[in-house]
Amino acid sequence: MNRYLIVGLGNIGDEYRNTRHNIGFKMLDAFAEASNVAFEDKRYGFVGRCRVKNAELVLLKPSTFMNLSGNAVRYWMNEEKIPVENLLVLVDDLNLPFGTIRIRKQGSAGGHNGLKHIEQVLGTSLYARVRFGIGNEYSRGAQINFVLGEWTDEEIQQIPEKLNLVKEIIPSFCLAGIERTMNQYNGK
């Protein structure tokens, strides 16, 4: 039985619930809901479990806050004995236009503090990620306010369609592998 750790990045707390920075949580929540998975409050995060054919998935929403996400990821990888090639991180991306979904098998943190911390703690950037473009419609010096700001009404209407795509990407990653998943879903 292959095991996978699927991590949605975000910040805990009601004040962050509908912010752009929490789209990683939203992506994981959409998949969990479609899979009838409930999250339990565990060490370093909220954890859910499900199976997709012969794959066992551990779903994680770190409770460490974004900038310390690596602590939760390392703990659950060790706890569940999941190799780095079976790690998938769902994350927001300022460098992609709003609503663009990009799957990568590795890469730089691109200025994202959650990814930076995961890379620092794991000692590698060789892990898969699904990036959700949040755009960069902010004035100079206003990046933090934009990222921690809430979605516009227009964006809110478009998000569910993108989340449906993520609900397909996660099982594809676990069953078909990162290469086939990238070929099938990048550019959709």
N, C-alpha and C. Protein backbone atom coordinates (compact mmCIF):
# COMPACT_ATOMS: atom_id res chain seq x y z
N MET A 1 0.85 -1.18 0.00
CA MET A 1 0.00 0.00 0.00
C MET A 1 0.90 1.25 0.00
N ASN A 2 0.77 2.05 -1.03
CA ASN A 2 1.53 3.30 -1.09
C ASN A 2 0.86 4.37 -0.23
N ARG A 3 1.67 5.12 0.50
CA ARG A 3 1.13 6.19 1.36
C ARG A 3 1.60 7.53 0.83
N TYR A 4 0.72 8.51 0.93
CA TYR A 4 1.00 9.85 0.43
C TYR A 4 0.61 10.87 1.49
N LEU A 5 1.39 11.95 1.55
CA LEU A 5 1.06 13.07 2.42
C LEU A 5 0.67 14.24 1.52
N ILE A 6 -0.59 14.66 1.65
CA ILE A 6 -1.11 15.77 0.86
C ILE A 6 -1.30 16.93 1.83
N VAL A 7 -0.56 18.01 1.61
CA VAL A 7 -0.53 19.13 2.55
C VAL A 7 -1.11 20.38 1.91
N GLY A 8 -2.12 20.94 2.56
CA GLY A 8 -2.65 22.24 2.13
C GLY A 8 -2.07 23.31 3.04
N LEU A 9 -1.44 24.33 2.46
CA LEU A 9 -0.85 25.38 3.29
C LEU A 9 -1.83 26.51 3.53
N GLY A 10 -1.77 27.06 4.74
CA GLY A 10 -2.63 28.18 5.12
C GLY A 10 -2.32 28.58 6.55
N ASN A 11 -3.11 29.51 7.03
CA ASN A 11 -3.00 29.96 8.42
C ASN A 11 -4.30 29.61 9.14
N ILE A 12 -4.17 29.11 10.37
CA ILE A 12 -5.36 28.77 11.13
C ILE A 12 -5.98 30.04 11.71
N GLY A 13 -7.27 29.98 11.99
CA GLY A 13 -7.98 31.10 12.59
C GLY A 13 -8.98 31.71 11.63
N ASP A 14 -10.11 32.14 12.19
CA ASP A 14 -11.19 32.71 11.39
C ASP A 14 -10.76 33.93 10.59
N GLU A 15 -9.84 34.73 11.13
CA GLU A 15 -9.43 35.95 10.44
C GLU A 15 -8.70 35.66 9.13
N TYR A 16 -8.21 34.42 8.95
CA TYR A 16 -7.49 34.05 7.73
C TYR A 16 -8.32 33.19 6.78
N ARG A 17 -9.48 32.73 7.25
CA ARG A 17 -10.26 31.71 6.52
C ARG A 17 -10.45 32.02 5.04
N ASN A 18 -10.82 33.23 4.68
CA ASN A 18 -11.12 33.55 3.28
C ASN A 18 -10.05 34.40 2.62
N THR A 19 -8.82 34.28 3.09
CA THR A 19 -7.74 35.05 2.48
C THR A 19 -7.09 34.27 1.34
N ARG A 20 -6.43 35.00 0.47
CA ARG A 20 -5.75 34.37 -0.67
C ARG A 20 -4.69 33.37 -0.20
N HIS A 21 -4.02 33.70 0.89
CA HIS A 21 -2.93 32.85 1.40
C HIS A 21 -3.44 31.49 1.86
N ASN A 22 -4.74 31.37 2.07
CA ASN A 22 -5.31 30.12 2.59
C ASN A 22 -5.90 29.22 1.50
N ILE A 23 -5.59 29.50 0.25
CA ILE A 23 -6.15 28.67 -0.82
C ILE A 23 -5.65 27.22 -0.72
N GLY A 24 -4.48 27.01 -0.11
CA GLY A 24 -4.01 25.63 0.09
C GLY A 24 -4.96 24.85 0.98
N PHE A 25 -5.43 25.49 2.07
CA PHE A 25 -6.44 24.86 2.94
C PHE A 25 -7.72 24.59 2.14
N LYS A 26 -8.13 25.59 1.36
CA LYS A 26 -9.38 25.48 0.60
C LYS A 26 -9.31 24.33 -0.41
N MET A 27 -8.16 24.17 -1.07
CA MET A 27 -7.99 23.07 -2.03
C MET A 27 -8.11 21.72 -1.33
N LEU A 28 -7.45 21.60 -0.17
CA LEU A 28 -7.48 20.33 0.56
C LEU A 28 -8.88 20.07 1.12
N ASP A 29 -9.54 21.12 1.60
CA ASP A 29 -10.91 20.98 2.10
C ASP A 29 -11.85 20.47 1.01
N ALA A 30 -11.69 21.00 -0.22
CA ALA A 30 -12.55 20.59 -1.34
C ALA A 30 -12.37 19.10 -1.62
N PHE A 31 -11.11 18.65 -1.63
CA PHE A 31 -10.84 17.23 -1.87
C PHE A 31 -11.39 16.38 -0.73
N ALA A 32 -11.16 16.83 0.51
CA ALA A 32 -11.62 16.08 1.68
C ALA A 32 -13.15 15.95 1.68
N GLU A 33 -13.82 17.04 1.36
CA GLU A 33 -15.29 17.03 1.33
C GLU A 33 -15.79 16.05 0.27
N ALA A 34 -15.18 16.08 -0.90
CA ALA A 34 -15.59 15.17 -1.98
C ALA A 34 -15.30 13.72 -1.62
N SER A 35 -14.35 13.50 -0.73
CA SER A 35 -13.96 12.14 -0.32
C SER A 35 -14.57 11.74 1.02
N ASN A 36 -15.47 12.56 1.55
CA ASN A 36 -16.12 12.31 2.85
C ASN A 36 -15.11 12.13 3.98
N VAL A 37 -14.10 12.99 4.00
CA VAL A 37 -13.07 12.92 5.03
C VAL A 37 -13.28 14.04 6.04
N ALA A 38 -13.22 13.68 7.31
CA ALA A 38 -13.28 14.68 8.38
C ALA A 38 -11.88 14.85 8.94
N PHE A 39 -11.53 16.07 9.31
CA PHE A 39 -10.22 16.34 9.89
C PHE A 39 -10.30 16.26 11.41
N GLU A 40 -9.23 15.74 12.00
CA GLU A 40 -9.10 15.69 13.46
C GLU A 40 -7.94 16.58 13.87
N ASP A 41 -8.09 17.23 15.00
CA ASP A 41 -7.03 18.08 15.54
C ASP A 41 -5.96 17.17 16.14
N LYS A 42 -4.80 17.14 15.49
CA LYS A 42 -3.70 16.26 15.92
C LYS A 42 -2.46 17.12 16.16
N ARG A 43 -1.35 16.47 16.41
CA ARG A 43 -0.09 17.19 16.62
C ARG A 43 0.29 17.94 15.35
N TYR A 44 0.60 19.19 15.48
CA TYR A 44 1.04 20.06 14.38
C TYR A 44 0.02 20.30 13.29
N GLY A 45 -1.22 19.84 13.45
CA GLY A 45 -2.16 20.13 12.38
C GLY A 45 -3.46 19.37 12.47
N PHE A 46 -4.27 19.60 11.46
CA PHE A 46 -5.54 18.91 11.31
C PHE A 46 -5.33 17.83 10.26
N VAL A 47 -5.66 16.59 10.62
CA VAL A 47 -5.31 15.44 9.80
C VAL A 47 -6.56 14.65 9.43
N GLY A 48 -6.62 14.23 8.19
CA GLY A 48 -7.69 13.36 7.71
C GLY A 48 -7.05 12.23 6.92
N ARG A 49 -7.81 11.17 6.71
CA ARG A 49 -7.27 10.01 5.99
C ARG A 49 -8.31 9.48 5.02
N CYS A 50 -7.81 9.00 3.88
CA CYS A 50 -8.70 8.32 2.94
C CYS A 50 -7.87 7.40 2.06
N ARG A 51 -8.58 6.60 1.29
CA ARG A 51 -7.92 5.71 0.32
C ARG A 51 -8.46 6.04 -1.06
N VAL A 52 -7.56 5.97 -2.02
CA VAL A 52 -7.93 6.07 -3.42
C VAL A 52 -7.32 4.83 -4.08
N LYS A 53 -8.17 3.86 -4.40
CA LYS A 53 -7.72 2.56 -4.91
C LYS A 53 -6.65 2.00 -3.98
N ASN A 54 -5.41 1.80 -4.47
CA ASN A 54 -4.38 1.17 -3.63
C ASN A 54 -3.49 2.21 -2.94
N ALA A 55 -3.93 3.45 -2.88
CA ALA A 55 -3.15 4.50 -2.23
C ALA A 55 -3.83 4.94 -0.94
N GLU A 56 -3.02 5.10 0.09
CA GLU A 56 -3.51 5.62 1.36
C GLU A 56 -3.04 7.06 1.48
N LEU A 57 -3.97 7.98 1.67
CA LEU A 57 -3.65 9.40 1.70
C LEU A 57 -3.81 9.94 3.12
N VAL A 58 -2.80 10.66 3.56
CA VAL A 58 -2.86 11.40 4.81
C VAL A 58 -2.96 12.86 4.41
N LEU A 59 -4.07 13.50 4.78
CA LEU A 59 -4.31 14.90 4.44
C LEU A 59 -3.95 15.76 5.64
N LEU A 60 -3.18 16.81 5.41
CA LEU A 60 -2.68 17.64 6.51
C LEU A 60 -2.88 19.12 6.25
N LYS A 61 -3.49 19.79 7.22
CA LYS A 61 -3.54 21.26 7.25
C LYS A 61 -2.74 21.68 8.48
N PRO A 62 -1.49 22.12 8.28
CA PRO A 62 -0.66 22.47 9.43
C PRO A 62 -1.29 23.55 10.31
N SER A 63 -1.12 23.39 11.62
CA SER A 63 -1.62 24.40 12.57
C SER A 63 -0.46 25.25 13.08
N THR A 64 0.66 25.19 12.38
CA THR A 64 1.88 25.87 12.81
C THR A 64 1.96 27.31 12.29
N PHE A 65 0.99 27.75 11.52
CA PHE A 65 1.05 28.99 10.75
C PHE A 65 2.00 28.79 9.58
N MET A 66 1.74 29.52 8.53
CA MET A 66 2.41 29.36 7.25
C MET A 66 3.94 29.28 7.36
N ASN A 67 4.54 30.23 8.08
CA ASN A 67 5.99 30.36 8.07
C ASN A 67 6.73 29.24 8.80
N LEU A 68 5.98 28.34 9.47
CA LEU A 68 6.59 27.20 10.16
C LEU A 68 6.02 25.88 9.66
N SER A 69 5.49 25.88 8.45
CA SER A 69 4.83 24.70 7.88
C SER A 69 5.74 23.48 7.83
N GLY A 70 7.03 23.69 7.66
CA GLY A 70 7.98 22.58 7.54
C GLY A 70 7.98 21.68 8.76
N ASN A 71 7.73 22.25 9.94
CA ASN A 71 7.70 21.43 11.17
C ASN A 71 6.61 20.37 11.10
N ALA A 72 5.42 20.78 10.64
CA ALA A 72 4.30 19.85 10.53
C ALA A 72 4.56 18.81 9.44
N VAL A 73 5.08 19.28 8.31
CA VAL A 73 5.34 18.36 7.19
C VAL A 73 6.36 17.30 7.60
N ARG A 74 7.46 17.72 8.21
CA ARG A 74 8.49 16.75 8.63
C ARG A 74 7.92 15.76 9.66
N TYR A 75 7.18 16.27 10.64
CA TYR A 75 6.62 15.40 11.68
C TYR A 75 5.74 14.31 11.05
N TRP A 76 4.82 14.70 10.16
CA TRP A 76 3.88 13.72 9.61
C TRP A 76 4.54 12.81 8.59
N MET A 77 5.55 13.29 7.88
CA MET A 77 6.30 12.40 6.99
C MET A 77 7.00 11.31 7.81
N ASN A 78 7.61 11.71 8.92
CA ASN A 78 8.29 10.74 9.79
C ASN A 78 7.30 9.81 10.48
N GLU A 79 6.24 10.39 11.01
CA GLU A 79 5.22 9.63 11.74
C GLU A 79 4.60 8.54 10.86
N GLU A 80 4.32 8.89 9.60
CA GLU A 80 3.64 7.97 8.68
C GLU A 80 4.62 7.24 7.76
N LYS A 81 5.91 7.52 7.90
CA LYS A 81 6.95 6.90 7.06
C LYS A 81 6.68 7.11 5.56
N ILE A 82 6.46 8.38 5.21
CA ILE A 82 6.14 8.75 3.83
C ILE A 82 7.38 9.37 3.19
N PRO A 83 7.85 8.81 2.07
CA PRO A 83 9.03 9.37 1.40
C PRO A 83 8.70 10.70 0.72
N VAL A 84 9.72 11.51 0.51
CA VAL A 84 9.52 12.86 -0.05
C VAL A 84 8.88 12.81 -1.44
N GLU A 85 9.11 11.73 -2.18
CA GLU A 85 8.50 11.65 -3.52
C GLU A 85 6.99 11.43 -3.45
N ASN A 86 6.46 11.11 -2.26
CA ASN A 86 5.02 10.93 -2.06
C ASN A 86 4.40 12.11 -1.32
N LEU A 87 5.10 13.24 -1.34
CA LEU A 87 4.60 14.47 -0.71
C LEU A 87 4.06 15.39 -1.80
N LEU A 88 2.85 15.93 -1.58
CA LEU A 88 2.25 16.90 -2.49
C LEU A 88 1.79 18.09 -1.65
N VAL A 89 2.28 19.28 -1.99
CA VAL A 89 1.94 20.50 -1.24
C VAL A 89 1.05 21.39 -2.11
N LEU A 90 -0.08 21.80 -1.54
CA LEU A 90 -1.03 22.68 -2.22
C LEU A 90 -0.82 24.09 -1.68
N VAL A 91 -0.60 25.06 -2.60
CA VAL A 91 -0.12 26.36 -2.15
C VAL A 91 -0.59 27.49 -3.08
N ASP A 92 -0.65 28.70 -2.53
CA ASP A 92 -0.97 29.89 -3.33
C ASP A 92 0.29 30.36 -4.05
N ASP A 93 0.11 31.05 -5.18
CA ASP A 93 1.26 31.56 -5.95
C ASP A 93 0.96 32.94 -6.51
N LEU A 94 1.74 33.92 -6.05
CA LEU A 94 1.62 35.31 -6.53
C LEU A 94 2.08 35.47 -7.96
N ASN A 95 2.96 34.58 -8.42
CA ASN A 95 3.56 34.73 -9.74
C ASN A 95 2.72 34.16 -10.86
N LEU A 96 1.56 33.60 -10.53
CA LEU A 96 0.66 33.06 -11.54
C LEU A 96 -0.61 33.91 -11.58
N PRO A 97 -1.16 34.12 -12.77
CA PRO A 97 -2.43 34.85 -12.86
C PRO A 97 -3.52 34.14 -12.05
N PHE A 98 -4.47 34.90 -11.54
CA PHE A 98 -5.55 34.33 -10.73
C PHE A 98 -6.18 33.13 -11.42
N GLY A 99 -6.32 32.05 -10.66
CA GLY A 99 -7.03 30.86 -11.13
C GLY A 99 -6.20 29.88 -11.92
N THR A 100 -4.96 30.24 -12.25
CA THR A 100 -4.08 29.32 -12.97
C THR A 100 -3.61 28.23 -12.01
N ILE A 101 -3.73 26.98 -12.44
CA ILE A 101 -3.25 25.86 -11.64
C ILE A 101 -1.99 25.32 -12.32
N ARG A 102 -0.91 25.23 -11.57
CA ARG A 102 0.34 24.74 -12.14
C ARG A 102 0.89 23.66 -11.21
N ILE A 103 1.18 22.51 -11.80
CA ILE A 103 1.73 21.38 -11.05
C ILE A 103 3.22 21.29 -11.37
N ARG A 104 4.03 21.14 -10.33
CA ARG A 104 5.48 21.01 -10.50
C ARG A 104 5.96 19.83 -9.66
N LYS A 105 6.99 19.14 -10.15
CA LYS A 105 7.52 18.03 -9.35
C LYS A 105 8.61 18.49 -8.41
N GLN A 106 9.07 19.74 -8.55
CA GLN A 106 10.07 20.33 -7.68
C GLN A 106 10.13 21.82 -8.01
N GLY A 107 10.98 22.54 -7.32
CA GLY A 107 11.13 23.94 -7.68
C GLY A 107 11.54 24.81 -6.52
N SER A 108 11.68 26.09 -6.82
CA SER A 108 12.08 27.03 -5.78
C SER A 108 10.86 27.46 -4.98
N ALA A 109 11.11 28.06 -3.86
CA ALA A 109 10.03 28.57 -3.02
C ALA A 109 9.37 29.79 -3.66
N GLY A 110 10.07 30.45 -4.57
CA GLY A 110 9.50 31.61 -5.27
C GLY A 110 9.06 32.70 -4.31
N GLY A 111 9.78 32.86 -3.20
CA GLY A 111 9.42 33.90 -2.24
C GLY A 111 8.32 33.50 -1.27
N HIS A 112 7.80 32.28 -1.38
CA HIS A 112 6.71 31.83 -0.51
C HIS A 112 7.30 31.30 0.80
N ASN A 113 6.94 31.92 1.91
CA ASN A 113 7.54 31.57 3.20
C ASN A 113 7.20 30.15 3.67
N GLY A 114 6.02 29.66 3.36
CA GLY A 114 5.66 28.30 3.73
C GLY A 114 6.54 27.29 3.00
N LEU A 115 6.71 27.49 1.69
CA LEU A 115 7.57 26.59 0.91
C LEU A 115 9.03 26.72 1.34
N LYS A 116 9.46 27.93 1.64
CA LYS A 116 10.84 28.15 2.10
C LYS A 116 11.12 27.33 3.35
N HIS A 117 10.17 27.36 4.29
CA HIS A 117 10.37 26.64 5.55
C HIS A 117 10.36 25.13 5.34
N ILE A 118 9.48 24.64 4.48
CA ILE A 118 9.45 23.20 4.18
C ILE A 118 10.80 22.79 3.58
N GLU A 119 11.28 23.57 2.63
CA GLU A 119 12.57 23.28 1.98
C GLU A 119 13.70 23.29 3.01
N GLN A 120 13.68 24.27 3.89
CA GLN A 120 14.73 24.41 4.92
C GLN A 120 14.71 23.20 5.86
N VAL A 121 13.53 22.81 6.32
CA VAL A 121 13.40 21.72 7.29
C VAL A 121 13.69 20.36 6.65
N LEU A 122 13.20 20.15 5.42
CA LEU A 122 13.42 18.87 4.75
C LEU A 122 14.80 18.78 4.11
N GLY A 123 15.41 19.93 3.87
CA GLY A 123 16.72 19.95 3.23
C GLY A 123 16.66 19.67 1.74
N THR A 124 15.49 19.85 1.14
CA THR A 124 15.33 19.61 -0.30
C THR A 124 14.14 20.41 -0.84
N SER A 125 14.22 20.70 -2.14
CA SER A 125 13.07 21.31 -2.83
C SER A 125 12.50 20.30 -3.83
N LEU A 126 12.92 19.04 -3.69
CA LEU A 126 12.49 17.99 -4.61
C LEU A 126 11.21 17.33 -4.12
N TYR A 127 10.14 18.11 -4.07
CA TYR A 127 8.83 17.56 -3.73
C TYR A 127 7.79 18.23 -4.63
N ALA A 128 6.70 17.51 -4.87
CA ALA A 128 5.67 17.99 -5.79
C ALA A 128 4.81 19.06 -5.14
N ARG A 129 4.31 19.96 -5.99
CA ARG A 129 3.40 20.98 -5.48
C ARG A 129 2.37 21.34 -6.53
N VAL A 130 1.20 21.74 -6.04
CA VAL A 130 0.15 22.29 -6.89
C VAL A 130 0.03 23.75 -6.49
N ARG A 131 0.33 24.62 -7.45
CA ARG A 131 0.28 26.07 -7.20
C ARG A 131 -1.01 26.64 -7.76
N PHE A 132 -1.69 27.43 -6.96
CA PHE A 132 -2.93 28.09 -7.36
C PHE A 132 -2.62 29.58 -7.50
N GLY A 133 -2.72 30.08 -8.71
CA GLY A 133 -2.41 31.48 -8.96
C GLY A 133 -3.39 32.42 -8.28
N ILE A 134 -2.84 33.35 -7.51
CA ILE A 134 -3.69 34.36 -6.86
C ILE A 134 -3.49 35.73 -7.51
N GLY A 135 -2.61 35.78 -8.54
CA GLY A 135 -2.36 37.05 -9.23
C GLY A 135 -1.49 37.96 -8.39
N ASN A 136 -1.22 39.12 -8.95
CA ASN A 136 -0.39 40.09 -8.22
C ASN A 136 -0.90 41.51 -8.45
N GLU A 137 -2.20 41.66 -8.23
CA GLU A 137 -2.87 42.94 -8.46
C GLU A 137 -2.75 43.85 -7.23
N TYR A 138 -1.53 44.21 -6.89
CA TYR A 138 -1.33 45.08 -5.73
C TYR A 138 -0.28 46.11 -6.07
N SER A 139 -0.32 47.22 -5.35
CA SER A 139 0.67 48.28 -5.59
C SER A 139 1.94 47.98 -4.81
N ARG A 140 2.99 48.61 -5.20
CA ARG A 140 4.30 48.41 -4.59
C ARG A 140 4.21 48.55 -3.07
N GLY A 141 4.78 47.56 -2.38
CA GLY A 141 4.78 47.59 -0.91
C GLY A 141 3.52 47.03 -0.27
N ALA A 142 2.56 46.62 -1.08
CA ALA A 142 1.28 46.15 -0.52
C ALA A 142 1.09 44.64 -0.66
N GLN A 143 2.19 43.92 -0.88
CA GLN A 143 2.11 42.47 -1.11
C GLN A 143 1.48 41.73 0.08
N ILE A 144 1.91 42.04 1.29
CA ILE A 144 1.40 41.32 2.47
C ILE A 144 -0.10 41.54 2.61
N ASN A 145 -0.54 42.78 2.44
CA ASN A 145 -1.98 43.07 2.53
C ASN A 145 -2.77 42.34 1.45
N PHE A 146 -2.18 42.21 0.27
CA PHE A 146 -2.85 41.52 -0.83
C PHE A 146 -2.98 40.02 -0.51
N VAL A 147 -1.88 39.41 -0.12
CA VAL A 147 -1.86 37.98 0.17
C VAL A 147 -2.78 37.64 1.34
N LEU A 148 -2.76 38.47 2.36
CA LEU A 148 -3.61 38.22 3.53
C LEU A 148 -4.99 38.88 3.39
N GLY A 149 -5.25 39.43 2.21
CA GLY A 149 -6.56 40.04 1.94
C GLY A 149 -7.55 38.99 1.48
N GLU A 150 -8.83 39.36 1.53
CA GLU A 150 -9.89 38.44 1.11
C GLU A 150 -10.11 38.52 -0.39
N TRP A 151 -10.67 37.45 -0.94
CA TRP A 151 -10.96 37.36 -2.36
C TRP A 151 -12.00 38.40 -2.76
N THR A 152 -11.96 38.84 -4.01
CA THR A 152 -13.01 39.71 -4.54
C THR A 152 -14.24 38.84 -4.82
N ASP A 153 -15.40 39.47 -4.97
CA ASP A 153 -16.62 38.71 -5.28
C ASP A 153 -16.47 37.95 -6.59
N GLU A 154 -15.83 38.59 -7.56
CA GLU A 154 -15.63 37.95 -8.87
C GLU A 154 -14.75 36.71 -8.73
N GLU A 155 -13.68 36.81 -7.94
CA GLU A 155 -12.80 35.66 -7.72
C GLU A 155 -13.54 34.53 -7.02
N ILE A 156 -14.33 34.88 -6.02
CA ILE A 156 -15.08 33.88 -5.24
C ILE A 156 -15.96 33.03 -6.16
N GLN A 157 -16.54 33.67 -7.18
CA GLN A 157 -17.41 32.94 -8.11
C GLN A 157 -16.64 31.95 -8.97
N GLN A 158 -15.36 32.23 -9.23
CA GLN A 158 -14.56 31.38 -10.12
C GLN A 158 -13.81 30.25 -9.39
N ILE A 159 -13.65 30.39 -8.09
CA ILE A 159 -12.85 29.42 -7.34
C ILE A 159 -13.40 27.99 -7.39
N PRO A 160 -14.72 27.76 -7.23
CA PRO A 160 -15.21 26.37 -7.21
C PRO A 160 -14.81 25.56 -8.44
N GLU A 161 -14.83 26.15 -9.61
CA GLU A 161 -14.44 25.45 -10.84
C GLU A 161 -12.98 24.99 -10.76
N LYS A 162 -12.12 25.84 -10.21
CA LYS A 162 -10.70 25.50 -10.07
C LYS A 162 -10.51 24.40 -9.03
N LEU A 163 -11.31 24.46 -7.96
CA LEU A 163 -11.22 23.43 -6.92
C LEU A 163 -11.62 22.07 -7.47
N ASN A 164 -12.57 22.04 -8.41
CA ASN A 164 -12.97 20.77 -9.03
C ASN A 164 -11.78 20.12 -9.74
N LEU A 165 -10.93 20.94 -10.35
CA LEU A 165 -9.74 20.44 -11.03
C LEU A 165 -8.78 19.82 -10.01
N VAL A 166 -8.62 20.48 -8.87
CA VAL A 166 -7.71 19.99 -7.83
C VAL A 166 -8.21 18.64 -7.29
N LYS A 167 -9.53 18.47 -7.23
CA LYS A 167 -10.10 17.20 -6.76
C LYS A 167 -9.70 16.05 -7.68
N GLU A 168 -9.39 16.33 -8.94
CA GLU A 168 -8.92 15.31 -9.88
C GLU A 168 -7.40 15.15 -9.81
N ILE A 169 -6.70 16.26 -9.58
CA ILE A 169 -5.23 16.26 -9.58
C ILE A 169 -4.67 15.39 -8.45
N ILE A 170 -5.26 15.48 -7.26
CA ILE A 170 -4.72 14.74 -6.10
C ILE A 170 -4.73 13.23 -6.34
N PRO A 171 -5.87 12.63 -6.74
CA PRO A 171 -5.83 11.18 -7.00
C PRO A 171 -4.91 10.82 -8.17
N SER A 172 -4.85 11.69 -9.18
CA SER A 172 -3.97 11.44 -10.32
C SER A 172 -2.51 11.38 -9.88
N PHE A 173 -2.12 12.30 -9.01
CA PHE A 173 -0.75 12.30 -8.49
C PHE A 173 -0.44 10.97 -7.80
N CYS A 174 -1.37 10.49 -7.00
CA CYS A 174 -1.14 9.26 -6.24
C CYS A 174 -1.18 8.01 -7.10
N LEU A 175 -2.03 7.99 -8.12
CA LEU A 175 -2.22 6.77 -8.92
C LEU A 175 -1.42 6.76 -10.22
N ALA A 176 -1.28 7.93 -10.87
CA ALA A 176 -0.61 7.97 -12.18
C ALA A 176 0.80 8.54 -12.09
N GLY A 177 1.11 9.24 -10.99
CA GLY A 177 2.43 9.82 -10.83
C GLY A 177 2.47 11.28 -11.26
N ILE A 178 3.54 11.95 -10.86
CA ILE A 178 3.66 13.38 -11.08
C ILE A 178 3.78 13.75 -12.57
N GLU A 179 4.56 12.98 -13.32
CA GLU A 179 4.78 13.32 -14.74
C GLU A 179 3.46 13.29 -15.52
N ARG A 180 2.73 12.20 -15.39
CA ARG A 180 1.46 12.08 -16.13
C ARG A 180 0.46 13.11 -15.66
N THR A 181 0.47 13.40 -14.36
CA THR A 181 -0.46 14.41 -13.82
C THR A 181 -0.11 15.79 -14.38
N MET A 182 1.18 16.12 -14.44
CA MET A 182 1.58 17.41 -15.02
C MET A 182 1.15 17.49 -16.48
N ASN A 183 1.40 16.43 -17.24
CA ASN A 183 1.04 16.42 -18.66
C ASN A 183 -0.46 16.58 -18.86
N GLN A 184 -1.24 15.95 -17.99
CA GLN A 184 -2.68 15.99 -18.17
C GLN A 184 -3.31 17.30 -17.71
N TYR A 185 -2.80 17.90 -16.63
CA TYR A 185 -3.52 19.03 -16.02
C TYR A 185 -2.88 20.41 -16.17
N ASN A 186 -1.58 20.48 -16.41
CA ASN A 186 -0.98 21.81 -16.60
C ASN A 186 -1.54 22.40 -17.88
N GLY A 187 -1.95 23.66 -17.80
CA GLY A 187 -2.52 24.33 -18.97
C GLY A 187 -4.02 24.23 -19.07
N LYS A 188 -4.65 23.50 -18.13
CA LYS A 188 -6.13 23.41 -18.16
C LYS A 188 -6.74 24.61 -17.48
